[in-house]
């Protein structure tokens, strides 16, 4: 037990050099860093979930619609296959 307490005390900064002002300053710096990270995450989320830009011509619009339709169909088929596998796994135990 003494070693654990020793280890904890060794990881702590020297309390004689810590002041309330230094703690307040460190807190402000960390809040600024958190604010910057929050803005970055918000911008990234906005870019990911932003609606698609309108297609420039009719060919691109048709291809986008086709790709979206195929993605939906592929997801649906994957879900059906997974449900069949799960049902067959639990159905064999009866």
N, C-alpha and C. Protein backbone atom coordinates (compact mmCIF):
# COMPACT_ATOMS: atom_id res chain seq x y z
N UNK A 1 0.80 -1.19 0.00
CA UNK A 1 0.00 0.00 0.00
C UNK A 1 0.84 1.26 0.00
N UNK A 2 1.92 1.22 0.67
CA UNK A 2 2.79 2.39 0.73
C UNK A 2 3.30 2.72 -0.66
N UNK A 3 3.59 1.70 -1.45
CA UNK A 3 4.09 1.95 -2.80
C UNK A 3 3.03 2.64 -3.66
N UNK A 4 1.77 2.24 -3.51
CA UNK A 4 0.71 2.88 -4.29
C UNK A 4 0.60 4.37 -3.93
N UNK A 5 0.62 4.67 -2.65
CA UNK A 5 0.54 6.05 -2.23
C UNK A 5 1.76 6.83 -2.69
N UNK A 6 2.92 6.19 -2.63
CA UNK A 6 4.14 6.83 -3.11
C UNK A 6 4.03 7.16 -4.60
N UNK A 7 3.51 6.21 -5.38
CA UNK A 7 3.37 6.42 -6.81
C UNK A 7 2.41 7.57 -7.09
N UNK A 8 1.32 7.60 -6.38
CA UNK A 8 0.35 8.67 -6.59
C UNK A 8 0.97 10.01 -6.24
N UNK A 9 1.69 10.06 -5.14
CA UNK A 9 2.29 11.32 -4.72
C UNK A 9 3.39 11.76 -5.68
N UNK A 10 4.08 10.81 -6.30
CA UNK A 10 5.14 11.18 -7.25
C UNK A 10 4.56 11.74 -8.54
N UNK A 11 3.36 11.35 -8.90
CA UNK A 11 2.74 11.84 -10.12
C UNK A 11 2.13 13.23 -9.94
N UNK A 12 1.89 13.61 -8.73
CA UNK A 12 1.30 14.93 -8.45
C UNK A 12 2.36 16.01 -8.62
N UNK A 13 1.99 17.15 -9.19
CA UNK A 13 2.95 18.24 -9.28
C UNK A 13 3.26 18.80 -7.89
N UNK A 14 4.37 19.44 -7.81
CA UNK A 14 4.80 20.01 -6.54
C UNK A 14 3.78 21.06 -6.10
N UNK A 15 3.21 20.87 -4.92
CA UNK A 15 2.14 21.76 -4.46
C UNK A 15 2.66 23.15 -4.10
N UNK A 16 3.93 23.28 -3.84
CA UNK A 16 4.45 24.59 -3.47
C UNK A 16 4.46 25.54 -4.67
N UNK A 17 4.58 25.01 -5.90
CA UNK A 17 4.60 25.88 -7.08
C UNK A 17 3.21 26.15 -7.62
N UNK A 18 2.20 25.44 -7.13
CA UNK A 18 0.83 25.65 -7.60
C UNK A 18 0.18 26.77 -6.81
N UNK A 19 -0.42 27.68 -7.55
CA UNK A 19 -1.16 28.77 -6.91
C UNK A 19 -2.56 28.81 -7.51
N UNK A 20 -3.43 29.54 -6.91
CA UNK A 20 -4.78 29.68 -7.45
C UNK A 20 -4.76 30.35 -8.82
N UNK A 21 -3.85 31.27 -9.00
CA UNK A 21 -3.74 31.95 -10.29
C UNK A 21 -3.30 30.99 -11.39
N UNK A 22 -2.33 30.13 -11.07
CA UNK A 22 -1.85 29.18 -12.07
C UNK A 22 -2.93 28.16 -12.42
N UNK A 23 -3.72 27.77 -11.42
CA UNK A 23 -4.83 26.84 -11.68
C UNK A 23 -5.88 27.51 -12.56
N UNK A 24 -6.21 28.76 -12.27
CA UNK A 24 -7.19 29.50 -13.06
C UNK A 24 -6.70 29.69 -14.50
N UNK A 25 -5.41 29.99 -14.66
CA UNK A 25 -4.84 30.16 -15.98
C UNK A 25 -4.90 28.85 -16.77
N UNK A 26 -4.54 27.76 -16.10
CA UNK A 26 -4.58 26.44 -16.75
C UNK A 26 -6.01 26.09 -17.15
N UNK A 27 -6.96 26.42 -16.30
CA UNK A 27 -8.37 26.17 -16.60
C UNK A 27 -8.82 26.94 -17.83
N UNK A 28 -8.43 28.21 -17.94
CA UNK A 28 -8.77 29.00 -19.12
C UNK A 28 -8.19 28.41 -20.39
N UNK A 29 -6.92 27.97 -20.32
CA UNK A 29 -6.26 27.37 -21.48
C UNK A 29 -6.99 26.10 -21.92
N UNK A 30 -7.35 25.28 -20.96
CA UNK A 30 -8.05 24.03 -21.29
C UNK A 30 -9.44 24.31 -21.86
N UNK A 31 -10.12 25.32 -21.33
CA UNK A 31 -11.43 25.67 -21.88
C UNK A 31 -11.32 26.15 -23.32
N UNK A 32 -10.26 26.92 -23.63
CA UNK A 32 -10.05 27.37 -25.00
C UNK A 32 -9.80 26.19 -25.92
N UNK A 33 -8.97 25.23 -25.47
CA UNK A 33 -8.70 24.04 -26.27
C UNK A 33 -9.98 23.25 -26.50
N UNK A 34 -10.79 23.10 -25.46
CA UNK A 34 -12.06 22.38 -25.61
C UNK A 34 -12.98 23.09 -26.60
N UNK A 35 -13.02 24.40 -26.55
CA UNK A 35 -13.87 25.18 -27.45
C UNK A 35 -13.41 24.97 -28.91
N UNK A 36 -12.12 25.00 -29.13
CA UNK A 36 -11.59 24.80 -30.49
C UNK A 36 -11.93 23.39 -30.97
N UNK A 37 -11.76 22.38 -30.11
CA UNK A 37 -12.08 21.01 -30.50
C UNK A 37 -13.58 20.86 -30.79
N UNK A 38 -14.41 21.52 -30.00
CA UNK A 38 -15.85 21.45 -30.23
C UNK A 38 -16.21 22.05 -31.58
N UNK A 39 -15.58 23.16 -31.93
CA UNK A 39 -15.84 23.78 -33.23
C UNK A 39 -15.42 22.86 -34.37
N UNK A 40 -14.28 22.22 -34.22
CA UNK A 40 -13.79 21.29 -35.25
C UNK A 40 -14.77 20.13 -35.41
N UNK A 41 -15.22 19.58 -34.30
CA UNK A 41 -16.17 18.46 -34.37
C UNK A 41 -17.50 18.89 -34.98
N UNK A 42 -17.96 20.09 -34.65
CA UNK A 42 -19.21 20.59 -35.21
C UNK A 42 -19.09 20.77 -36.71
N UNK A 43 -17.98 21.34 -37.16
CA UNK A 43 -17.77 21.53 -38.60
C UNK A 43 -17.70 20.19 -39.33
N UNK A 44 -17.02 19.22 -38.74
CA UNK A 44 -16.92 17.90 -39.36
C UNK A 44 -18.29 17.24 -39.46
N UNK A 45 -19.08 17.33 -38.39
CA UNK A 45 -20.42 16.76 -38.42
C UNK A 45 -21.29 17.44 -39.46
N UNK A 46 -21.16 18.75 -39.57
CA UNK A 46 -21.93 19.48 -40.58
C UNK A 46 -21.57 19.02 -41.99
N UNK A 47 -20.28 18.84 -42.23
CA UNK A 47 -19.85 18.38 -43.56
C UNK A 47 -20.36 16.98 -43.86
N UNK A 48 -20.36 16.11 -42.84
CA UNK A 48 -20.80 14.73 -43.06
C UNK A 48 -22.29 14.63 -43.34
N UNK A 49 -23.09 15.43 -42.63
CA UNK A 49 -24.54 15.30 -42.74
C UNK A 49 -25.18 16.38 -43.59
N UNK A 50 -24.39 17.19 -44.25
CA UNK A 50 -24.94 18.24 -45.10
C UNK A 50 -25.64 17.62 -46.30
N UNK A 51 -26.71 18.23 -46.76
CA UNK A 51 -27.37 17.69 -47.95
C UNK A 51 -26.45 17.82 -49.17
N UNK A 52 -26.66 16.93 -50.10
CA UNK A 52 -25.83 16.94 -51.31
C UNK A 52 -26.11 18.20 -52.14
N UNK A 53 -25.08 18.64 -52.81
CA UNK A 53 -25.23 19.79 -53.70
C UNK A 53 -26.07 19.38 -54.90
N UNK A 54 -26.83 20.30 -55.45
CA UNK A 54 -27.64 19.94 -56.62
C UNK A 54 -26.74 19.52 -57.79
N UNK A 55 -27.23 18.58 -58.55
CA UNK A 55 -26.46 18.08 -59.69
C UNK A 55 -26.36 19.14 -60.77
N UNK A 56 -25.21 19.17 -61.40
CA UNK A 56 -24.98 20.18 -62.43
C UNK A 56 -25.76 19.85 -63.71
N UNK A 57 -25.83 18.59 -64.05
CA UNK A 57 -26.57 18.21 -65.25
C UNK A 57 -27.44 17.00 -64.99
N UNK A 58 -28.25 16.64 -65.97
CA UNK A 58 -29.22 15.56 -65.79
C UNK A 58 -28.54 14.20 -65.63
N UNK A 59 -27.40 14.00 -66.28
CA UNK A 59 -26.69 12.73 -66.17
C UNK A 59 -26.20 12.47 -64.75
N UNK A 60 -25.67 13.49 -64.11
CA UNK A 60 -25.22 13.34 -62.72
C UNK A 60 -26.38 13.09 -61.79
N UNK A 61 -27.50 13.74 -62.03
CA UNK A 61 -28.68 13.54 -61.19
C UNK A 61 -29.18 12.10 -61.29
N UNK A 62 -29.20 11.57 -62.50
CA UNK A 62 -29.65 10.19 -62.70
C UNK A 62 -28.68 9.21 -62.05
N UNK A 63 -27.38 9.44 -62.19
CA UNK A 63 -26.39 8.55 -61.58
C UNK A 63 -26.47 8.61 -60.05
N UNK A 64 -26.68 9.79 -59.50
CA UNK A 64 -26.79 9.92 -58.05
C UNK A 64 -28.03 9.18 -57.54
N UNK A 65 -29.13 9.31 -58.25
CA UNK A 65 -30.36 8.61 -57.86
C UNK A 65 -30.15 7.10 -57.96
N UNK A 66 -29.48 6.64 -59.00
CA UNK A 66 -29.21 5.22 -59.17
C UNK A 66 -28.31 4.70 -58.05
N UNK A 67 -27.26 5.44 -57.73
CA UNK A 67 -26.35 5.01 -56.66
C UNK A 67 -27.06 4.96 -55.31
N UNK A 68 -27.90 5.95 -55.05
CA UNK A 68 -28.64 5.97 -53.79
C UNK A 68 -29.60 4.78 -53.73
N UNK A 69 -30.28 4.53 -54.82
CA UNK A 69 -31.20 3.39 -54.87
C UNK A 69 -30.49 2.07 -54.68
N UNK A 70 -29.33 1.92 -55.29
CA UNK A 70 -28.56 0.68 -55.13
C UNK A 70 -28.07 0.52 -53.70
N UNK A 71 -27.67 1.61 -53.07
CA UNK A 71 -27.22 1.53 -51.67
C UNK A 71 -28.36 1.10 -50.76
N UNK A 72 -29.55 1.64 -51.00
CA UNK A 72 -30.72 1.25 -50.20
C UNK A 72 -31.05 -0.21 -50.43
N UNK A 73 -31.05 -0.63 -51.68
CA UNK A 73 -31.34 -2.03 -52.01
C UNK A 73 -30.31 -2.96 -51.38
N UNK A 74 -29.04 -2.60 -51.46
CA UNK A 74 -27.97 -3.41 -50.89
C UNK A 74 -28.14 -3.52 -49.37
N UNK A 75 -28.48 -2.43 -48.72
CA UNK A 75 -28.70 -2.46 -47.28
C UNK A 75 -29.89 -3.33 -46.90
N UNK A 76 -30.94 -3.25 -47.69
CA UNK A 76 -32.12 -4.07 -47.45
C UNK A 76 -31.80 -5.55 -47.61
N UNK A 77 -31.08 -5.90 -48.66
CA UNK A 77 -30.72 -7.31 -48.89
C UNK A 77 -29.80 -7.83 -47.79
N UNK A 78 -28.88 -7.01 -47.34
CA UNK A 78 -28.00 -7.41 -46.25
C UNK A 78 -28.82 -7.67 -44.98
N UNK A 79 -29.78 -6.81 -44.70
CA UNK A 79 -30.63 -7.00 -43.53
C UNK A 79 -31.44 -8.28 -43.61
N UNK A 80 -31.99 -8.58 -44.79
CA UNK A 80 -32.78 -9.81 -44.98
C UNK A 80 -31.89 -11.03 -44.77
N UNK A 81 -30.70 -11.01 -45.35
CA UNK A 81 -29.78 -12.14 -45.19
C UNK A 81 -29.38 -12.34 -43.73
N UNK A 82 -29.13 -11.24 -43.03
CA UNK A 82 -28.76 -11.36 -41.62
C UNK A 82 -29.92 -11.92 -40.79
N UNK A 83 -31.13 -11.48 -41.07
CA UNK A 83 -32.29 -11.99 -40.34
C UNK A 83 -32.46 -13.49 -40.60
N UNK A 84 -32.27 -13.93 -41.82
CA UNK A 84 -32.37 -15.36 -42.12
C UNK A 84 -31.32 -16.16 -41.36
N UNK A 85 -30.09 -15.64 -41.30
CA UNK A 85 -29.02 -16.34 -40.56
C UNK A 85 -29.37 -16.43 -39.08
N UNK A 86 -29.84 -15.33 -38.51
CA UNK A 86 -30.17 -15.32 -37.09
C UNK A 86 -31.31 -16.28 -36.81
N UNK A 87 -32.32 -16.27 -37.65
CA UNK A 87 -33.45 -17.18 -37.46
C UNK A 87 -33.01 -18.63 -37.59
N UNK A 88 -32.12 -18.92 -38.54
CA UNK A 88 -31.68 -20.31 -38.71
C UNK A 88 -30.83 -20.75 -37.52
N UNK A 89 -30.06 -19.84 -36.95
CA UNK A 89 -29.25 -20.20 -35.78
C UNK A 89 -30.14 -20.51 -34.58
N UNK A 90 -31.16 -19.70 -34.36
CA UNK A 90 -32.05 -19.94 -33.21
C UNK A 90 -33.10 -20.99 -33.49
N UNK A 91 -33.41 -21.22 -34.75
CA UNK A 91 -34.40 -22.24 -35.11
C UNK A 91 -33.87 -23.65 -34.95
N UNK A 92 -32.55 -23.83 -35.11
CA UNK A 92 -31.95 -25.16 -35.00
C UNK A 92 -31.91 -25.66 -33.56
N UNK A 93 -31.99 -24.77 -32.61
CA UNK A 93 -31.90 -25.17 -31.19
C UNK A 93 -33.22 -25.70 -30.65
N UNK A 94 -34.29 -25.49 -31.35
CA UNK A 94 -35.61 -25.93 -30.86
C UNK A 94 -35.73 -27.38 -30.92
